[in-house]
Amino acid sequence: MPEESVRGRFVWYDLMTTDPEAAKAFYTAVAGWGIETWDNPGMPSYSMWTANGKPMGGVMKLPDEAVAGGARPHWIAYVGTPDVDATTARARELGATVMVEPRDIPTVGRFSILNDPQGATIAAFTPAGQGQPEPEGMPPVGEYSWHELITTDPDAALAFYSDLFGWEKIADHDMGEMGLYQMYGRNGKTLGGIFRKPAEMPGPPAWLYYARVADVNAAVEAARQQGGQVLNGPMEVPGGDLIATFLDPQGGMFAVHQSKGATAAAP
């Protein structure tokens, strides 16, 4: 059984998309990621995103039946837990919908996919071994640095995830008419934020993940050149960091984050 320290960590990120090859071209240009192929006997070949020489996620084709049922390209993050079966059962007790029951990935681990009580999708994951040690401080350029939940009930959502993964409220920021932006984390380290979904925003509650880049303006230009749609930014957020949000050419939502002073420090 993996140790308790895996609980509540974001450990993997999958892109489900209608065109994996086009997505590879987009994200390698925008985020600077590499691509590796993972082959496991008896399983389909799987393309992984790499950052700083390490795998950190993957890309898969969204099944035709899911598209026919209305599913759109999207990112899904996997959050660590020492016991995915117990976590899945508890999520159901708390009002979540279990989209994929716990199942094994041979030699890798065991996962389930959940819709939280407000409708946002996330995965729970128990690694087969001890997993990678948690990095200290700000994740390096190329890795995900912020995890944002847009939901209809921020307080209920935080209570749900706190119960499942041990997250705690770190601080909040008053956004005026948009309400409070609640920052959450684990062991005193901030992982992201939660805010109320504006009534005019289309679609159900959802997670948005921010990859750290050295230059947000260069990432935005690359996104435009690759056929992406810039939804927001570049804009400065409290503390001086810069962010931008886009849709990739297949319609998946993605964001980038430049920490203050990153451009000057980049080689």
C-alpha atoms as a PDB file:
ATOM      1  CA  MET A   1       0.000   0.000   0.000  1.00  0.00           C
ATOM      2  CA  PRO A   2       1.463   3.403  -0.953  1.00  0.00           C
ATOM      3  CA  GLU A   3       2.290   5.668   1.913  1.00  0.00           C
ATOM      4  CA  GLU A   4      -0.100   8.364   3.124  1.00  0.00           C
ATOM      5  CA  SER A   5       2.122  11.088   1.635  1.00  0.00           C
ATOM      6  CA  VAL A   6       0.644  10.447  -1.827  1.00  0.00           C
ATOM      7  CA  ARG A   7      -2.785  11.597  -0.610  1.00  0.00           C
ATOM      8  CA  GLY A   8      -3.989  14.804  -2.225  1.00  0.00           C
ATOM      9  CA  ARG A   9      -1.120  15.213  -4.705  1.00  0.00           C
ATOM     10  CA  PHE A  10      -1.815  15.874  -8.373  1.00  0.00           C
ATOM     11  CA  VAL A  11       0.215  13.090  -9.963  1.00  0.00           C
ATOM     12  CA  TRP A  12      -0.832  12.785 -13.641  1.00  0.00           C
ATOM     13  CA  TYR A  13      -2.708  14.644 -16.397  1.00  0.00           C
ATOM     14  CA  ASP A  14      -4.450  13.089 -19.407  1.00  0.00           C
ATOM     15  CA  LEU A  15      -5.814  14.889 -22.439  1.00  0.00           C
ATOM     16  CA  MET A  16      -8.845  13.228 -24.004  1.00  0.00           C
ATOM     17  CA  THR A  17      -9.176  14.596 -27.531  1.00  0.00           C
ATOM     18  CA  THR A  18     -10.641  13.915 -30.956  1.00  0.00           C
ATOM     19  CA  ASP A  19      -7.266  14.274 -32.729  1.00  0.00           C
ATOM     20  CA  PRO A  20      -4.233  13.166 -30.691  1.00  0.00           C
ATOM     21  CA  GLU A  21      -1.701  13.902 -33.435  1.00  0.00           C
ATOM     22  CA  ALA A  22      -2.910  17.488 -33.874  1.00  0.00           C
ATOM     23  CA  ALA A  23      -2.944  17.902 -30.088  1.00  0.00           C
ATOM     24  CA  LYS A  24       0.687  16.780 -29.905  1.00  0.00           C
ATOM     25  CA  ALA A  25       1.675  19.486 -32.393  1.00  0.00           C
ATOM     26  CA  PHE A  26      -0.217  22.146 -30.426  1.00  0.00           C
ATOM     27  CA  TYR A  27       1.020  21.341 -26.924  1.00  0.00           C
ATOM     28  CA  THR A  28       4.635  20.686 -27.825  1.00  0.00           C
ATOM     29  CA  ALA A  29       4.698  24.151 -29.444  1.00  0.00           C
ATOM     30  CA  VAL A  30       2.812  25.966 -26.667  1.00  0.00           C
ATOM     31  CA  ALA A  31       4.075  24.245 -23.506  1.00  0.00           C
ATOM     32  CA  GLY A  32       7.419  22.977 -24.817  1.00  0.00           C
ATOM     33  CA  TRP A  33       6.613  19.380 -23.868  1.00  0.00           C
ATOM     34  CA  GLY A  34       8.202  16.290 -25.339  1.00  0.00           C
ATOM     35  CA  ILE A  35       6.504  13.051 -26.362  1.00  0.00           C
ATOM     36  CA  GLU A  36       7.377   9.497 -25.352  1.00  0.00           C
ATOM     37  CA  THR A  37       5.581   6.266 -26.240  1.00  0.00           C
ATOM     38  CA  TRP A  38       4.695   3.817 -23.477  1.00  0.00           C
ATOM     39  CA  ASP A  39       4.141   0.206 -24.456  1.00  0.00           C
ATOM     40  CA  ASN A  40       2.710  -2.283 -21.981  1.00  0.00           C
ATOM     41  CA  PRO A  41       2.059  -5.872 -23.169  1.00  0.00           C
ATOM     42  CA  GLY A  42      -1.622  -6.468 -23.784  1.00  0.00           C
ATOM     43  CA  MET A  43      -2.496  -2.757 -23.789  1.00  0.00           C
ATOM     44  CA  PRO A  44      -2.745  -0.158 -26.587  1.00  0.00           C
ATOM     45  CA  SER A  45       0.278   2.069 -27.190  1.00  0.00           C
ATOM     46  CA  TYR A  46       0.045   5.287 -25.165  1.00  0.00           C
ATOM     47  CA  SER A  47       1.682   8.654 -25.879  1.00  0.00           C
ATOM     48  CA  MET A  48       3.008  10.494 -22.823  1.00  0.00           C
ATOM     49  CA  TRP A  49       3.788  14.170 -22.329  1.00  0.00           C
ATOM     50  CA  THR A  50       7.240  14.801 -20.875  1.00  0.00           C
ATOM     51  CA  ALA A  51       8.610  17.867 -19.090  1.00  0.00           C
ATOM     52  CA  ASN A  52      12.246  18.200 -18.072  1.00  0.00           C
ATOM     53  CA  GLY A  53      12.822  14.642 -19.274  1.00  0.00           C
ATOM     54  CA  LYS A  54      10.098  13.116 -17.065  1.00  0.00           C
ATOM     55  CA  PRO A  55       6.630  11.820 -18.030  1.00  0.00           C
ATOM     56  CA  MET A  56       3.839  13.896 -16.458  1.00  0.00           C
ATOM     57  CA  GLY A  57       0.750  12.988 -18.448  1.00  0.00           C
ATOM     58  CA  GLY A  58      -0.609  11.511 -21.638  1.00  0.00           C
ATOM     59  CA  VAL A  59      -2.935  11.952 -24.586  1.00  0.00           C
ATOM     60  CA  MET A  60      -5.664   9.584 -25.743  1.00  0.00           C
ATOM     61  CA  LYS A  61      -8.354   9.612 -28.400  1.00  0.00           C
ATOM     62  CA  LEU A  62     -11.787  10.439 -27.064  1.00  0.00           C
ATOM     63  CA  PRO A  63     -13.956   7.395 -27.925  1.00  0.00           C
ATOM     64  CA  ASP A  64     -16.410   7.903 -30.774  1.00  0.00           C
ATOM     65  CA  GLU A  65     -19.300   6.840 -28.552  1.00  0.00           C
ATOM     66  CA  ALA A  66     -18.342   9.487 -26.004  1.00  0.00           C
ATOM     67  CA  VAL A  67     -18.279  12.156 -28.716  1.00  0.00           C
ATOM     68  CA  ALA A  68     -21.669  10.951 -29.967  1.00  0.00           C
ATOM     69  CA  GLY A  69     -22.958  11.302 -26.401  1.00  0.00           C
ATOM     70  CA  GLY A  70     -21.847  14.945 -26.241  1.00  0.00           C
ATOM     71  CA  ALA A  71     -18.377  14.642 -24.652  1.00  0.00           C
ATOM     72  CA  ARG A  72     -15.911  17.324 -25.672  1.00  0.00           C
ATOM     73  CA  PRO A  73     -12.105  17.245 -25.564  1.00  0.00           C
ATOM     74  CA  HIS A  74     -10.898  17.861 -22.022  1.00  0.00           C
ATOM     75  CA  TRP A  75      -8.084  17.417 -19.552  1.00  0.00           C
ATOM     76  CA  ILE A  76      -8.458  15.159 -16.531  1.00  0.00           C
ATOM     77  CA  ALA A  77      -6.088  15.141 -13.566  1.00  0.00           C
ATOM     78  CA  TYR A  78      -5.332  12.194 -11.296  1.00  0.00           C
ATOM     79  CA  VAL A  79      -5.063  12.849  -7.574  1.00  0.00           C
ATOM     80  CA  GLY A  80      -3.160  10.442  -5.355  1.00  0.00           C
ATOM     81  CA  THR A  81      -4.723   8.347  -2.625  1.00  0.00           C
ATOM     82  CA  PRO A  82      -3.373   5.400  -0.622  1.00  0.00           C
ATOM     83  CA  ASP A  83      -6.561   3.379  -1.341  1.00  0.00           C
ATOM     84  CA  VAL A  84      -8.504   4.218  -4.481  1.00  0.00           C
ATOM     85  CA  ASP A  85     -11.299   1.758  -3.638  1.00  0.00           C
ATOM     86  CA  ALA A  86     -11.950   3.374  -0.259  1.00  0.00           C
ATOM     87  CA  THR A  87     -11.718   6.858  -1.782  1.00  0.00           C
ATOM     88  CA  THR A  88     -14.199   5.918  -4.518  1.00  0.00           C
ATOM     89  CA  ALA A  89     -16.641   4.491  -1.998  1.00  0.00           C
ATOM     90  CA  ARG A  90     -16.359   7.611   0.146  1.00  0.00           C
ATOM     91  CA  ALA A  91     -16.873   9.867  -2.892  1.00  0.00           C
ATOM     92  CA  ARG A  92     -20.102   8.023  -3.652  1.00  0.00           C
ATOM     93  CA  GLU A  93     -21.251   8.462  -0.049  1.00  0.00           C
ATOM     94  CA  LEU A  94     -20.593  12.210  -0.382  1.00  0.00           C
ATOM     95  CA  GLY A  95     -22.757  12.502  -3.502  1.00  0.00           C
ATOM     96  CA  ALA A  96     -20.260  12.006  -6.319  1.00  0.00           C
ATOM     97  CA  THR A  97     -21.073   9.980  -9.429  1.00  0.00           C
ATOM     98  CA  VAL A  98     -18.595   7.220 -10.207  1.00  0.00           C
ATOM     99  CA  MET A  99     -17.972   7.362 -13.963  1.00  0.00           C
ATOM    100  CA  VAL A 100     -15.331   4.602 -14.017  1.00  0.00           C
ATOM    101  CA  GLU A 101     -15.169   2.076 -11.197  1.00  0.00           C
ATOM    102  CA  PRO A 102     -11.721   1.308  -9.757  1.00  0.00           C
ATOM    103  CA  ARG A 103      -9.608  -0.605 -12.243  1.00  0.00           C
ATOM    104  CA  ASP A 104      -5.987  -1.621 -12.609  1.00  0.00           C
ATOM    105  CA  ILE A 105      -3.328  -0.396 -15.021  1.00  0.00           C
ATOM    106  CA  PRO A 106      -0.826  -3.294 -14.961  1.00  0.00           C
ATOM    107  CA  THR A 107       2.502  -2.353 -13.323  1.00  0.00           C
ATOM    108  CA  VAL A 108       1.319   1.265 -12.893  1.00  0.00           C
ATOM    109  CA  GLY A 109      -1.497   1.475 -10.373  1.00  0.00           C
ATOM    110  CA  ARG A 110      -5.254   1.582  -9.897  1.00  0.00           C
ATOM    111  CA  PHE A 111      -7.636   4.439 -10.708  1.00  0.00           C
ATOM    112  CA  SER A 112     -11.250   5.555 -10.813  1.00  0.00           C
ATOM    113  CA  ILE A 113     -12.968   8.522 -12.454  1.00  0.00           C
ATOM    114  CA  LEU A 114     -15.457  10.650 -10.521  1.00  0.00           C
ATOM    115  CA  ASN A 115     -17.867  13.478 -11.154  1.00  0.00           C
ATOM    116  CA  ASP A 116     -17.947  15.536  -7.963  1.00  0.00           C
ATOM    117  CA  PRO A 117     -21.381  16.500  -6.524  1.00  0.00           C
ATOM    118  CA  GLN A 118     -21.413  19.700  -8.631  1.00  0.00           C
ATOM    119  CA  GLY A 119     -20.436  17.842 -11.835  1.00  0.00           C
ATOM    120  CA  ALA A 120     -16.684  18.472 -12.313  1.00  0.00           C
ATOM    121  CA  THR A 121     -14.636  15.427 -13.370  1.00  0.00           C
ATOM    122  CA  ILE A 122     -11.497  14.219 -11.603  1.00  0.00           C
ATOM    123  CA  ALA A 123      -9.668  10.919 -11.168  1.00  0.00           C
ATOM    124  CA  ALA A 124      -8.364   9.179  -8.059  1.00  0.00           C
ATOM    125  CA  PHE A 125      -5.172   7.147  -8.384  1.00  0.00           C
ATOM    126  CA  THR A 126      -3.199   4.734  -6.232  1.00  0.00           C
ATOM    127  CA  PRO A 127       0.302   4.046  -7.606  1.00  0.00           C
ATOM    128  CA  ALA A 128       1.589   0.489  -7.706  1.00  0.00           C
ATOM    129  CA  GLY A 129       4.769   1.524  -5.873  1.00  0.00           C
ATOM    130  CA  GLN A 130       5.727   4.459  -3.706  1.00  0.00           C
ATOM    131  CA  GLY A 131       5.580   6.961  -6.573  1.00  0.00           C
ATOM    132  CA  GLN A 132       7.857   9.910  -7.185  1.00  0.00           C
ATOM    133  CA  PRO A 133       8.974  12.161  -4.322  1.00  0.00           C
ATOM    134  CA  GLU A 134       7.101  15.438  -4.126  1.00  0.00           C
ATOM    135  CA  PRO A 135       9.097  18.411  -5.447  1.00  0.00           C
ATOM    136  CA  GLU A 136       9.684  21.344  -3.148  1.00  0.00           C
ATOM    137  CA  GLY A 137       8.572  24.879  -3.979  1.00  0.00           C
ATOM    138  CA  MET A 138       7.313  26.110  -7.342  1.00  0.00           C
ATOM    139  CA  PRO A 139       7.130  23.378 -10.015  1.00  0.00           C
ATOM    140  CA  PRO A 140       9.710  23.917 -12.777  1.00  0.00           C
ATOM    141  CA  VAL A 141       8.848  25.362 -16.193  1.00  0.00           C
ATOM    142  CA  GLY A 142       6.937  22.763 -18.205  1.00  0.00           C
ATOM    143  CA  GLU A 143       5.065  21.222 -15.290  1.00  0.00           C
ATOM    144  CA  TYR A 144       1.596  22.055 -13.991  1.00  0.00           C
ATOM    145  CA  SER A 145       1.739  24.784 -11.362  1.00  0.00           C
ATOM    146  CA  TRP A 146      -1.942  25.623 -10.642  1.00  0.00           C
ATOM    147  CA  HIS A 147      -5.193  23.651 -10.474  1.00  0.00           C
ATOM    148  CA  GLU A 148      -8.397  25.669 -10.650  1.00  0.00           C
ATOM    149  CA  LEU A 149     -11.949  24.497 -10.035  1.00  0.00           C
ATOM    150  CA  ILE A 150     -14.836  26.474 -11.524  1.00  0.00           C
ATOM    151  CA  THR A 151     -17.977  25.279  -9.757  1.00  0.00           C
ATOM    152  CA  THR A 152     -21.517  26.162  -8.748  1.00  0.00           C
ATOM    153  CA  ASP A 153     -20.844  25.784  -4.998  1.00  0.00           C
ATOM    154  CA  PRO A 154     -17.254  26.546  -3.917  1.00  0.00           C
ATOM    155  CA  ASP A 155     -17.829  25.842  -0.220  1.00  0.00           C
ATOM    156  CA  ALA A 156     -19.440  22.453  -0.863  1.00  0.00           C
ATOM    157  CA  ALA A 157     -16.740  21.567  -3.379  1.00  0.00           C
ATOM    158  CA  LEU A 158     -13.938  22.382  -0.947  1.00  0.00           C
ATOM    159  CA  ALA A 159     -15.638  20.321   1.756  1.00  0.00           C
ATOM    160  CA  PHE A 160     -15.913  17.358  -0.648  1.00  0.00           C
ATOM    161  CA  TYR A 161     -12.271  17.460  -1.735  1.00  0.00           C
ATOM    162  CA  SER A 162     -11.058  18.098   1.794  1.00  0.00           C
ATOM    163  CA  ASP A 163     -12.796  14.921   2.920  1.00  0.00           C
ATOM    164  CA  LEU A 164     -11.450  12.851   0.015  1.00  0.00           C
ATOM    165  CA  PHE A 165      -7.925  14.170  -0.339  1.00  0.00           C
ATOM    166  CA  GLY A 166      -7.142  16.119   2.818  1.00  0.00           C
ATOM    167  CA  TRP A 167      -6.995  19.509   1.119  1.00  0.00           C
ATOM    168  CA  GLU A 168      -7.329  22.598   3.291  1.00  0.00           C
ATOM    169  CA  LYS A 169      -8.285  26.203   2.688  1.00  0.00           C
ATOM    170  CA  ILE A 170      -5.129  28.331   2.511  1.00  0.00           C
ATOM    171  CA  ALA A 171      -6.466  31.851   1.860  1.00  0.00           C
ATOM    172  CA  ASP A 172      -9.040  33.730  -0.185  1.00  0.00           C
ATOM    173  CA  HIS A 173      -9.091  36.757  -2.469  1.00  0.00           C
ATOM    174  CA  ASP A 174     -12.066  39.054  -3.021  1.00  0.00           C
ATOM    175  CA  MET A 175     -12.771  39.325  -6.775  1.00  0.00           C
ATOM    176  CA  GLY A 176     -15.571  41.864  -6.360  1.00  0.00           C
ATOM    177  CA  GLU A 177     -18.698  40.951  -8.323  1.00  0.00           C
ATOM    178  CA  MET A 178     -17.264  37.475  -9.038  1.00  0.00           C
ATOM    179  CA  GLY A 179     -17.062  36.704  -5.314  1.00  0.00           C
ATOM    180  CA  LEU A 180     -14.292  35.019  -3.361  1.00  0.00           C
ATOM    181  CA  TYR A 181     -11.438  33.108  -4.917  1.00  0.00           C
ATOM    182  CA  GLN A 182     -10.586  30.364  -2.419  1.00  0.00           C
ATOM    183  CA  MET A 183      -7.060  28.985  -2.484  1.00  0.00           C
ATOM    184  CA  TYR A 184      -6.533  25.445  -1.230  1.00  0.00           C
ATOM    185  CA  GLY A 185      -3.572  23.163  -0.667  1.00  0.00           C
ATOM    186  CA  ARG A 186      -2.010  20.406   1.393  1.00  0.00           C
ATOM    187  CA  ASN A 187       0.635  20.520   4.111  1.00  0.00           C
ATOM    188  CA  GLY A 188       0.642  24.325   3.830  1.00  0.00           C
ATOM    189  CA  LYS A 189       1.520  24.276   0.101  1.00  0.00           C
ATOM    190  CA  THR A 190      -0.973  25.987  -2.227  1.00  0.00           C
ATOM    191  CA  LEU A 191      -2.172  23.798  -5.111  1.00  0.00           C
ATOM    192  CA  GLY A 192      -4.744  26.052  -6.765  1.00  0.00           C
ATOM    193  CA  GLY A 193      -8.012  27.901  -6.367  1.00  0.00           C
ATOM    194  CA  ILE A 194     -11.787  27.502  -6.440  1.00  0.00           C
ATOM    195  CA  PHE A 195     -14.340  30.072  -7.527  1.00  0.00           C
ATOM    196  CA  ARG A 196     -18.041  30.293  -8.351  1.00  0.00           C
ATOM    197  CA  LYS A 197     -18.931  29.701 -11.983  1.00  0.00           C
ATOM    198  CA  PRO A 198     -20.469  32.850 -13.492  1.00  0.00           C
ATOM    199  CA  ALA A 199     -24.031  32.372 -14.721  1.00  0.00           C
ATOM    200  CA  GLU A 200     -23.038  33.432 -18.244  1.00  0.00           C
ATOM    201  CA  MET A 201     -20.204  30.880 -18.491  1.00  0.00           C
ATOM    202  CA  PRO A 202     -21.279  27.963 -20.702  1.00  0.00           C
ATOM    203  CA  GLY A 203     -20.842  24.321 -19.804  1.00  0.00           C
ATOM    204  CA  PRO A 204     -20.873  22.414 -16.514  1.00  0.00           C
ATOM    205  CA  PRO A 205     -18.466  22.897 -13.575  1.00  0.00           C
ATOM    206  CA  ALA A 206     -14.940  21.961 -14.617  1.00  0.00           C
ATOM    207  CA  TRP A 207     -11.278  21.892 -13.689  1.00  0.00           C
ATOM    208  CA  LEU A 208      -8.726  24.091 -15.473  1.00  0.00           C
ATOM    209  CA  TYR A 209      -5.021  23.280 -15.262  1.00  0.00           C
ATOM    210  CA  TYR A 210      -2.176  25.782 -15.690  1.00  0.00           C
ATOM    211  CA  ALA A 211       1.210  24.715 -17.045  1.00  0.00           C
ATOM    212  CA  ARG A 212       4.166  26.856 -16.063  1.00  0.00           C
ATOM    213  CA  VAL A 213       5.954  28.533 -18.998  1.00  0.00           C
ATOM    214  CA  ALA A 214       8.982  30.810 -19.191  1.00  0.00           C
ATOM    215  CA  ASP A 215       7.199  33.423 -21.341  1.00  0.00           C
ATOM    216  CA  VAL A 216       3.405  33.666 -21.407  1.00  0.00           C
ATOM    217  CA  ASN A 217       3.444  35.979 -24.442  1.00  0.00           C
ATOM    218  CA  ALA A 218       5.452  33.470 -26.469  1.00  0.00           C
ATOM    219  CA  ALA A 219       3.023  30.715 -25.416  1.00  0.00           C
ATOM    220  CA  VAL A 220       0.032  32.803 -26.541  1.00  0.00           C
ATOM    221  CA  GLU A 221       1.663  33.529 -29.905  1.00  0.00           C
ATOM    222  CA  ALA A 222       2.445  29.823 -30.372  1.00  0.00           C
ATOM    223  CA  ALA A 223      -1.168  28.939 -29.496  1.00  0.00           C
ATOM    224  CA  ARG A 224      -2.465  31.345 -32.143  1.00  0.00           C
ATOM    225  CA  GLN A 225      -0.050  30.009 -34.753  1.00  0.00           C
ATOM    226  CA  GLN A 226      -1.160  26.458 -34.002  1.00  0.00           C
ATOM    227  CA  GLY A 227      -4.845  27.289 -34.430  1.00  0.00           C
ATOM    228  CA  GLY A 228      -5.821  27.750 -30.781  1.00  0.00           C
ATOM    229  CA  GLN A 229      -8.308  30.348 -29.535  1.00  0.00           C
ATOM    230  CA  VAL A 230      -7.154  32.725 -26.812  1.00  0.00           C
ATOM    231  CA  LEU A 231      -9.985  33.135 -24.294  1.00  0.00           C
ATOM    232  CA  ASN A 232      -8.297  35.331 -21.711  1.00  0.00           C
ATOM    233  CA  GLY A 233      -4.980  37.105 -21.302  1.00  0.00           C
ATOM    234  CA  PRO A 234      -2.177  37.504 -21.055  1.00  0.00           C
ATOM    235  CA  MET A 235      -3.189  39.158 -17.801  1.00  0.00           C
ATOM    236  CA  GLU A 236      -1.508  39.884 -14.486  1.00  0.00           C
ATOM    237  CA  VAL A 237      -2.901  38.289 -11.321  1.00  0.00           C
ATOM    238  CA  PRO A 238      -2.337  39.329  -7.687  1.00  0.00           C
ATOM    239  CA  GLY A 239       1.326  38.828  -6.851  1.00  0.00           C
ATOM    240  CA  GLY A 240       2.558  39.811 -10.316  1.00  0.00           C
ATOM    241  CA  ASP A 241       2.356  36.469 -12.151  1.00  0.00           C
ATOM    242  CA  LEU A 242       0.955  36.323 -15.699  1.00  0.00           C
ATOM    243  CA  ILE A 243      -1.643  33.883 -17.029  1.00  0.00           C
ATOM    244  CA  ALA A 244      -3.510  33.128 -20.247  1.00  0.00           C
ATOM    245  CA  THR A 245      -6.300  30.692 -21.094  1.00  0.00           C
ATOM    246  CA  PHE A 246      -7.123  29.135 -24.451  1.00  0.00           C
ATOM    247  CA  LEU A 247      -9.016  26.450 -26.296  1.00  0.00           C
ATOM    248  CA  ASP A 248      -6.812  24.092 -28.252  1.00  0.00           C
ATOM    249  CA  PRO A 249      -7.833  23.460 -31.902  1.00  0.00           C
ATOM    250  CA  GLN A 250      -9.995  20.484 -30.866  1.00  0.00           C
ATOM    251  CA  GLY A 251     -11.768  22.456 -28.114  1.00  0.00           C
ATOM    252  CA  GLY A 252      -9.904  21.418 -24.957  1.00  0.00           C
ATOM    253  CA  MET A 253      -9.440  24.211 -22.401  1.00  0.00           C
ATOM    254  CA  PHE A 254      -5.892  24.840 -21.195  1.00  0.00           C
ATOM    255  CA  ALA A 255      -4.019  27.606 -19.362  1.00  0.00           C
ATOM    256  CA  VAL A 256      -0.442  28.776 -18.913  1.00  0.00           C
ATOM    257  CA  HIS A 257       1.252  30.528 -16.005  1.00  0.00           C
ATOM    258  CA  GLN A 258       4.421  32.617 -15.930  1.00  0.00           C
ATOM    259  CA  SER A 259       5.768  33.251 -12.453  1.00  0.00           C
ATOM    260  CA  LYS A 260       6.983  36.749 -11.641  1.00  0.00           C
ATOM    261  CA  GLY A 261      10.470  37.368 -13.009  1.00  0.00           C
ATOM    262  CA  ALA A 262      10.517  34.098 -14.989  1.00  0.00           C
ATOM    263  CA  THR A 263      11.438  35.666 -18.322  1.00  0.00           C
ATOM    264  CA  ALA A 264      14.459  37.409 -16.870  1.00  0.00           C
ATOM    265  CA  ALA A 265      15.599  34.182 -15.229  1.00  0.00           C
ATOM    266  CA  ALA A 266      15.058  31.992 -18.289  1.00  0.00           C
ATOM    267  CA  PRO A 267      18.154  31.049 -20.324  1.00  0.00           C
END
